[in-house]
């Protein structure tokens, strides 16, 4: 275990030194010609290293997160330089989507790490919200966020074989309802908000009761 930890620390240390030296040389003017695309390549190379650590063995599951983050930064810089006509919402969604993929890959490789689906699904929902903010009304954009969170809870419930975790279908249904309401009309959403709040309260009470039963 100790050699593996030392090897991982060495990889992280080398990447930090590399980025630090690169940034220092650019700031003092030695590499003033360094373009944004070169930074994209550098971040992409760092992400590839972490991706290799992740794919090499199950013990390197943690490397999927920095891999997604670094590759997301590289793709975002590349999109800003090569596709300047893209709306800001789409370029921001690229980074959030790749970071989400870093978490979701952990679950795909090993279902016992189901917890990674929570931040992964939340980040993917925010990424979708950022992307659709350029083409949908503000109210509908909020609906996209709630529908994404609803899908996250629903998938979590489906992945869990323990009966005590089936309560996750309740917040999934509540969030899905809220999302659909926001996707419709403001008048209807405002009229049914009290019912939504009551449903959330019932979901919390039901979840607490289920945990006591299966404890």
C-alpha atoms as a PDB file:
ATOM      1  CA  UNK A   1       0.000   0.000   0.000  1.00  0.00           C
ATOM      2  CA  UNK A   2       2.776   2.437   0.908  1.00  0.00           C
ATOM      3  CA  UNK A   3       4.636   2.140  -2.451  1.00  0.00           C
ATOM      4  CA  UNK A   4       1.387   2.812  -4.307  1.00  0.00           C
ATOM      5  CA  UNK A   5       0.668   5.889  -2.178  1.00  0.00           C
ATOM      6  CA  UNK A   6       4.227   7.116  -2.730  1.00  0.00           C
ATOM      7  CA  UNK A   7       3.883   6.608  -6.489  1.00  0.00           C
ATOM      8  CA  UNK A   8       0.615   8.554  -6.582  1.00  0.00           C
ATOM      9  CA  UNK A   9       2.144  11.359  -4.513  1.00  0.00           C
ATOM     10  CA  UNK A  10       5.098  11.438  -6.909  1.00  0.00           C
ATOM     11  CA  UNK A  11       2.799  11.800  -9.919  1.00  0.00           C
ATOM     12  CA  UNK A  12       0.863  14.633  -8.305  1.00  0.00           C
ATOM     13  CA  UNK A  13       4.078  16.323  -7.194  1.00  0.00           C
ATOM     14  CA  UNK A  14       5.608  16.164 -10.665  1.00  0.00           C
ATOM     15  CA  UNK A  15       2.478  17.652 -12.234  1.00  0.00           C
ATOM     16  CA  UNK A  16       2.386  20.468  -9.688  1.00  0.00           C
ATOM     17  CA  UNK A  17       6.049  21.267 -10.294  1.00  0.00           C
ATOM     18  CA  UNK A  18       5.484  21.191 -14.064  1.00  0.00           C
ATOM     19  CA  UNK A  19       2.544  23.592 -13.964  1.00  0.00           C
ATOM     20  CA  UNK A  20       4.319  25.819 -11.449  1.00  0.00           C
ATOM     21  CA  UNK A  21       7.483  26.123 -13.529  1.00  0.00           C
ATOM     22  CA  UNK A  22       5.449  26.699 -16.691  1.00  0.00           C
ATOM     23  CA  UNK A  23       3.447  29.471 -15.042  1.00  0.00           C
ATOM     24  CA  UNK A  24       6.548  31.077 -13.519  1.00  0.00           C
ATOM     25  CA  UNK A  25       8.412  31.135 -16.833  1.00  0.00           C
ATOM     26  CA  UNK A  26       5.452  32.709 -18.559  1.00  0.00           C
ATOM     27  CA  UNK A  27       5.035  35.366 -15.852  1.00  0.00           C
ATOM     28  CA  UNK A  28       8.699  36.434 -16.008  1.00  0.00           C
ATOM     29  CA  UNK A  29       8.543  36.705 -19.790  1.00  0.00           C
ATOM     30  CA  UNK A  30      10.647  33.693 -20.730  1.00  0.00           C
ATOM     31  CA  UNK A  31       7.629  31.982 -22.256  1.00  0.00           C
ATOM     32  CA  UNK A  32       5.560  35.063 -23.006  1.00  0.00           C
ATOM     33  CA  UNK A  33       4.762  33.574 -26.397  1.00  0.00           C
ATOM     34  CA  UNK A  34       2.991  30.665 -24.758  1.00  0.00           C
ATOM     35  CA  UNK A  35      -0.523  30.665 -26.130  1.00  0.00           C
ATOM     36  CA  UNK A  36      -3.724  29.580 -24.481  1.00  0.00           C
ATOM     37  CA  UNK A  37      -3.744  26.488 -26.669  1.00  0.00           C
ATOM     38  CA  UNK A  38      -0.418  25.424 -25.184  1.00  0.00           C
ATOM     39  CA  UNK A  39      -2.000  25.650 -21.751  1.00  0.00           C
ATOM     40  CA  UNK A  40      -4.836  23.504 -23.065  1.00  0.00           C
ATOM     41  CA  UNK A  41      -2.302  20.899 -24.177  1.00  0.00           C
ATOM     42  CA  UNK A  42      -0.563  21.058 -20.789  1.00  0.00           C
ATOM     43  CA  UNK A  43      -3.794  20.586 -18.852  1.00  0.00           C
ATOM     44  CA  UNK A  44      -4.816  17.824 -21.244  1.00  0.00           C
ATOM     45  CA  UNK A  45      -1.518  16.024 -20.650  1.00  0.00           C
ATOM     46  CA  UNK A  46      -2.019  16.267 -16.896  1.00  0.00           C
ATOM     47  CA  UNK A  47      -5.533  14.918 -17.257  1.00  0.00           C
ATOM     48  CA  UNK A  48      -4.249  12.035 -19.368  1.00  0.00           C
ATOM     49  CA  UNK A  49      -1.790  11.071 -16.619  1.00  0.00           C
ATOM     50  CA  UNK A  50      -4.550  10.914 -14.023  1.00  0.00           C
ATOM     51  CA  UNK A  51      -6.755   9.022 -16.480  1.00  0.00           C
ATOM     52  CA  UNK A  52      -4.009   6.422 -16.851  1.00  0.00           C
ATOM     53  CA  UNK A  53      -3.792   6.052 -13.062  1.00  0.00           C
ATOM     54  CA  UNK A  54      -7.569   5.624 -12.914  1.00  0.00           C
ATOM     55  CA  UNK A  55      -7.729   2.972 -15.626  1.00  0.00           C
ATOM     56  CA  UNK A  56      -4.681   1.072 -14.409  1.00  0.00           C
ATOM     57  CA  UNK A  57      -6.236  -0.373 -11.251  1.00  0.00           C
ATOM     58  CA  UNK A  58      -9.299  -0.118  -9.056  1.00  0.00           C
ATOM     59  CA  UNK A  59      -7.177   1.419  -6.300  1.00  0.00           C
ATOM     60  CA  UNK A  60      -6.694   4.495  -8.482  1.00  0.00           C
ATOM     61  CA  UNK A  61     -10.416   5.335  -8.569  1.00  0.00           C
ATOM     62  CA  UNK A  62      -9.727   8.736  -7.006  1.00  0.00           C
ATOM     63  CA  UNK A  63      -7.691   9.823 -10.062  1.00  0.00           C
ATOM     64  CA  UNK A  64     -10.863   9.995 -12.140  1.00  0.00           C
ATOM     65  CA  UNK A  65     -11.838  13.257 -10.407  1.00  0.00           C
ATOM     66  CA  UNK A  66      -8.693  15.299 -11.210  1.00  0.00           C
ATOM     67  CA  UNK A  67      -8.644  13.666 -14.655  1.00  0.00           C
ATOM     68  CA  UNK A  68     -12.119  15.001 -15.378  1.00  0.00           C
ATOM     69  CA  UNK A  69     -11.238  18.429 -13.978  1.00  0.00           C
ATOM     70  CA  UNK A  70      -7.992  18.841 -15.950  1.00  0.00           C
ATOM     71  CA  UNK A  71      -9.437  17.485 -19.185  1.00  0.00           C
ATOM     72  CA  UNK A  72     -12.431  19.764 -18.665  1.00  0.00           C
ATOM     73  CA  UNK A  73     -10.155  22.801 -18.309  1.00  0.00           C
ATOM     74  CA  UNK A  74      -8.252  21.765 -21.441  1.00  0.00           C
ATOM     75  CA  UNK A  75     -11.449  21.351 -23.453  1.00  0.00           C
ATOM     76  CA  UNK A  76     -12.852  24.642 -22.157  1.00  0.00           C
ATOM     77  CA  UNK A  77      -9.709  26.564 -23.168  1.00  0.00           C
ATOM     78  CA  UNK A  78      -9.716  24.826 -26.539  1.00  0.00           C
ATOM     79  CA  UNK A  79     -13.364  25.690 -27.129  1.00  0.00           C
ATOM     80  CA  UNK A  80     -12.803  29.347 -26.214  1.00  0.00           C
ATOM     81  CA  UNK A  81      -9.842  29.611 -28.606  1.00  0.00           C
ATOM     82  CA  UNK A  82     -11.069  27.498 -31.515  1.00  0.00           C
ATOM     83  CA  UNK A  83     -14.826  28.063 -31.225  1.00  0.00           C
ATOM     84  CA  UNK A  84     -15.167  31.675 -30.033  1.00  0.00           C
ATOM     85  CA  UNK A  85     -18.698  31.858 -31.411  1.00  0.00           C
ATOM     86  CA  UNK A  86     -19.950  29.391 -28.798  1.00  0.00           C
ATOM     87  CA  UNK A  87     -22.108  31.032 -26.083  1.00  0.00           C
ATOM     88  CA  UNK A  88     -20.518  31.329 -22.647  1.00  0.00           C
ATOM     89  CA  UNK A  89     -23.066  28.928 -21.209  1.00  0.00           C
ATOM     90  CA  UNK A  90     -21.907  26.130 -23.487  1.00  0.00           C
ATOM     91  CA  UNK A  91     -18.216  26.601 -22.738  1.00  0.00           C
ATOM     92  CA  UNK A  92     -18.935  26.633 -19.015  1.00  0.00           C
ATOM     93  CA  UNK A  93     -20.986  23.483 -19.402  1.00  0.00           C
ATOM     94  CA  UNK A  94     -17.988  21.695 -20.928  1.00  0.00           C
ATOM     95  CA  UNK A  95     -15.943  21.950 -17.730  1.00  0.00           C
ATOM     96  CA  UNK A  96     -18.859  21.017 -15.472  1.00  0.00           C
ATOM     97  CA  UNK A  97     -19.763  18.106 -17.735  1.00  0.00           C
ATOM     98  CA  UNK A  98     -16.232  16.701 -17.727  1.00  0.00           C
ATOM     99  CA  UNK A  99     -15.963  17.086 -13.952  1.00  0.00           C
ATOM    100  CA  UNK A 100     -19.279  15.263 -13.675  1.00  0.00           C
ATOM    101  CA  UNK A 101     -17.939  12.518 -15.931  1.00  0.00           C
ATOM    102  CA  UNK A 102     -15.010  12.126 -13.545  1.00  0.00           C
ATOM    103  CA  UNK A 103     -17.400  11.239 -10.728  1.00  0.00           C
ATOM    104  CA  UNK A 104     -19.739   9.131 -12.874  1.00  0.00           C
ATOM    105  CA  UNK A 105     -16.828   7.058 -14.178  1.00  0.00           C
ATOM    106  CA  UNK A 106     -16.129   5.968 -10.608  1.00  0.00           C
ATOM    107  CA  UNK A 107     -19.617   4.476 -10.381  1.00  0.00           C
ATOM    108  CA  UNK A 108     -19.407   2.891 -13.822  1.00  0.00           C
ATOM    109  CA  UNK A 109     -16.177   1.127 -12.905  1.00  0.00           C
ATOM    110  CA  UNK A 110     -17.398  -0.031  -9.493  1.00  0.00           C
ATOM    111  CA  UNK A 111     -21.061   0.124  -8.465  1.00  0.00           C
ATOM    112  CA  UNK A 112     -20.159  -0.197  -4.794  1.00  0.00           C
ATOM    113  CA  UNK A 113     -18.982   3.420  -4.943  1.00  0.00           C
ATOM    114  CA  UNK A 114     -22.527   4.584  -5.654  1.00  0.00           C
ATOM    115  CA  UNK A 115     -21.959   7.746  -3.612  1.00  0.00           C
ATOM    116  CA  UNK A 116     -20.061   9.277  -6.551  1.00  0.00           C
ATOM    117  CA  UNK A 117     -23.342   9.401  -8.461  1.00  0.00           C
ATOM    118  CA  UNK A 118     -24.583  12.188  -6.163  1.00  0.00           C
ATOM    119  CA  UNK A 119     -21.947  14.841  -7.034  1.00  0.00           C
ATOM    120  CA  UNK A 120     -21.748  13.480 -10.575  1.00  0.00           C
ATOM    121  CA  UNK A 121     -25.475  13.833 -11.167  1.00  0.00           C
ATOM    122  CA  UNK A 122     -25.612  17.236  -9.484  1.00  0.00           C
ATOM    123  CA  UNK A 123     -22.728  18.575 -11.592  1.00  0.00           C
ATOM    124  CA  UNK A 124     -24.252  17.174 -14.770  1.00  0.00           C
ATOM    125  CA  UNK A 125     -27.549  18.856 -13.885  1.00  0.00           C
ATOM    126  CA  UNK A 126     -25.787  22.197 -13.398  1.00  0.00           C
ATOM    127  CA  UNK A 127     -23.921  21.664 -16.689  1.00  0.00           C
ATOM    128  CA  UNK A 128     -27.200  21.075 -18.504  1.00  0.00           C
ATOM    129  CA  UNK A 129     -28.636  24.162 -16.825  1.00  0.00           C
ATOM    130  CA  UNK A 130     -25.695  26.274 -18.019  1.00  0.00           C
ATOM    131  CA  UNK A 131     -26.009  24.944 -21.562  1.00  0.00           C
ATOM    132  CA  UNK A 132     -29.773  25.366 -21.840  1.00  0.00           C
ATOM    133  CA  UNK A 133     -29.638  28.847 -20.276  1.00  0.00           C
ATOM    134  CA  UNK A 134     -28.684  30.127 -23.724  1.00  0.00           C
ATOM    135  CA  UNK A 135     -31.750  28.742 -25.479  1.00  0.00           C
ATOM    136  CA  UNK A 136     -34.508  28.361 -22.862  1.00  0.00           C
ATOM    137  CA  UNK A 137     -36.410  30.874 -20.715  1.00  0.00           C
ATOM    138  CA  UNK A 138     -35.178  31.316 -17.151  1.00  0.00           C
ATOM    139  CA  UNK A 139     -38.132  29.431 -15.697  1.00  0.00           C
ATOM    140  CA  UNK A 140     -37.582  26.439 -17.980  1.00  0.00           C
ATOM    141  CA  UNK A 141     -33.873  26.414 -17.110  1.00  0.00           C
ATOM    142  CA  UNK A 142     -34.794  25.874 -13.459  1.00  0.00           C
ATOM    143  CA  UNK A 143     -36.918  22.960 -14.594  1.00  0.00           C
ATOM    144  CA  UNK A 144     -33.904  21.375 -16.280  1.00  0.00           C
ATOM    145  CA  UNK A 145     -31.981  21.517 -12.995  1.00  0.00           C
ATOM    146  CA  UNK A 146     -34.769  19.862 -11.008  1.00  0.00           C
ATOM    147  CA  UNK A 147     -35.304  17.169 -13.642  1.00  0.00           C
ATOM    148  CA  UNK A 148     -31.589  16.377 -13.588  1.00  0.00           C
ATOM    149  CA  UNK A 149     -31.590  16.029  -9.807  1.00  0.00           C
ATOM    150  CA  UNK A 150     -34.709  13.866 -10.025  1.00  0.00           C
ATOM    151  CA  UNK A 151     -32.954  11.557 -12.474  1.00  0.00           C
ATOM    152  CA  UNK A 152     -29.983  11.343 -10.100  1.00  0.00           C
ATOM    153  CA  UNK A 153     -32.139  10.142  -7.195  1.00  0.00           C
ATOM    154  CA  UNK A 154     -34.051   7.733  -9.444  1.00  0.00           C
ATOM    155  CA  UNK A 155     -30.863   6.110 -10.748  1.00  0.00           C
ATOM    156  CA  UNK A 156     -29.520   5.871  -7.199  1.00  0.00           C
ATOM    157  CA  UNK A 157     -32.671   4.062  -6.124  1.00  0.00           C
ATOM    158  CA  UNK A 158     -32.414   1.654  -9.059  1.00  0.00           C
ATOM    159  CA  UNK A 159     -28.774   0.860  -8.321  1.00  0.00           C
ATOM    160  CA  UNK A 160     -29.474   0.054  -4.679  1.00  0.00           C
ATOM    161  CA  UNK A 161     -30.702  -3.459  -3.914  1.00  0.00           C
ATOM    162  CA  UNK A 162     -31.342  -2.658  -0.249  1.00  0.00           C
ATOM    163  CA  UNK A 163     -35.080  -2.113   0.371  1.00  0.00           C
ATOM    164  CA  UNK A 164     -34.263   0.645   2.850  1.00  0.00           C
ATOM    165  CA  UNK A 165     -32.920   2.819   0.015  1.00  0.00           C
ATOM    166  CA  UNK A 166     -36.116   2.787  -2.031  1.00  0.00           C
ATOM    167  CA  UNK A 167     -37.204   6.007  -0.333  1.00  0.00           C
ATOM    168  CA  UNK A 168     -35.005   7.751  -2.916  1.00  0.00           C
ATOM    169  CA  UNK A 169     -37.849   7.324  -5.402  1.00  0.00           C
ATOM    170  CA  UNK A 170     -39.839   9.828  -3.330  1.00  0.00           C
ATOM    171  CA  UNK A 171     -37.485  12.830  -3.712  1.00  0.00           C
ATOM    172  CA  UNK A 172     -37.015  11.773  -7.338  1.00  0.00           C
ATOM    173  CA  UNK A 173     -40.770  12.053  -7.887  1.00  0.00           C
ATOM    174  CA  UNK A 174     -40.992  15.342  -5.994  1.00  0.00           C
ATOM    175  CA  UNK A 175     -38.061  16.921  -7.850  1.00  0.00           C
ATOM    176  CA  UNK A 176     -39.392  15.610 -11.148  1.00  0.00           C
ATOM    177  CA  UNK A 177     -42.779  17.171 -10.450  1.00  0.00           C
ATOM    178  CA  UNK A 178     -41.155  20.486  -9.579  1.00  0.00           C
ATOM    179  CA  UNK A 179     -39.131  20.334 -12.776  1.00  0.00           C
ATOM    180  CA  UNK A 180     -42.192  19.685 -14.909  1.00  0.00           C
ATOM    181  CA  UNK A 181     -44.054  22.507 -13.202  1.00  0.00           C
ATOM    182  CA  UNK A 182     -41.234  24.927 -13.905  1.00  0.00           C
ATOM    183  CA  UNK A 183     -41.169  23.759 -17.506  1.00  0.00           C
ATOM    184  CA  UNK A 184     -44.849  24.697 -17.901  1.00  0.00           C
ATOM    185  CA  UNK A 185     -46.319  28.000 -16.768  1.00  0.00           C
ATOM    186  CA  UNK A 186     -45.394  30.343 -13.950  1.00  0.00           C
ATOM    187  CA  UNK A 187     -49.030  30.647 -12.927  1.00  0.00           C
ATOM    188  CA  UNK A 188     -49.491  26.898 -12.545  1.00  0.00           C
ATOM    189  CA  UNK A 189     -46.184  26.504 -10.714  1.00  0.00           C
ATOM    190  CA  UNK A 190     -47.105  29.241  -8.244  1.00  0.00           C
ATOM    191  CA  UNK A 191     -50.509  27.696  -7.625  1.00  0.00           C
ATOM    192  CA  UNK A 192     -49.109  24.221  -6.872  1.00  0.00           C
ATOM    193  CA  UNK A 193     -46.063  25.293  -4.824  1.00  0.00           C
ATOM    194  CA  UNK A 194     -47.860  24.602  -1.495  1.00  0.00           C
ATOM    195  CA  UNK A 195     -48.564  21.034  -2.649  1.00  0.00           C
ATOM    196  CA  UNK A 196     -44.929  20.611  -3.606  1.00  0.00           C
ATOM    197  CA  UNK A 197     -43.782  21.769  -0.168  1.00  0.00           C
ATOM    198  CA  UNK A 198     -46.195  19.347   1.474  1.00  0.00           C
ATOM    199  CA  UNK A 199     -44.855  16.546  -0.736  1.00  0.00           C
ATOM    200  CA  UNK A 200     -41.283  17.332   0.278  1.00  0.00           C
ATOM    201  CA  UNK A 201     -42.266  17.189   3.948  1.00  0.00           C
ATOM    202  CA  UNK A 202     -43.973  13.830   3.429  1.00  0.00           C
ATOM    203  CA  UNK A 203     -40.906  12.541   1.583  1.00  0.00           C
ATOM    204  CA  UNK A 204     -38.650  13.500   4.481  1.00  0.00           C
ATOM    205  CA  UNK A 205     -40.953  11.876   7.021  1.00  0.00           C
ATOM    206  CA  UNK A 206     -41.269   8.742   4.887  1.00  0.00           C
ATOM    207  CA  UNK A 207     -37.512   8.489   4.430  1.00  0.00           C
ATOM    208  CA  UNK A 208     -36.927   8.849   8.163  1.00  0.00           C
ATOM    209  CA  UNK A 209     -39.514   6.162   8.879  1.00  0.00           C
ATOM    210  CA  UNK A 210     -37.973   3.773   6.339  1.00  0.00           C
ATOM    211  CA  UNK A 211     -34.524   4.153   7.867  1.00  0.00           C
ATOM    212  CA  UNK A 212     -35.937   3.266  11.297  1.00  0.00           C
ATOM    213  CA  UNK A 213     -37.669   0.163   9.929  1.00  0.00           C
ATOM    214  CA  UNK A 214     -34.561  -1.225   8.215  1.00  0.00           C
ATOM    215  CA  UNK A 215     -32.102  -0.203  10.913  1.00  0.00           C
END
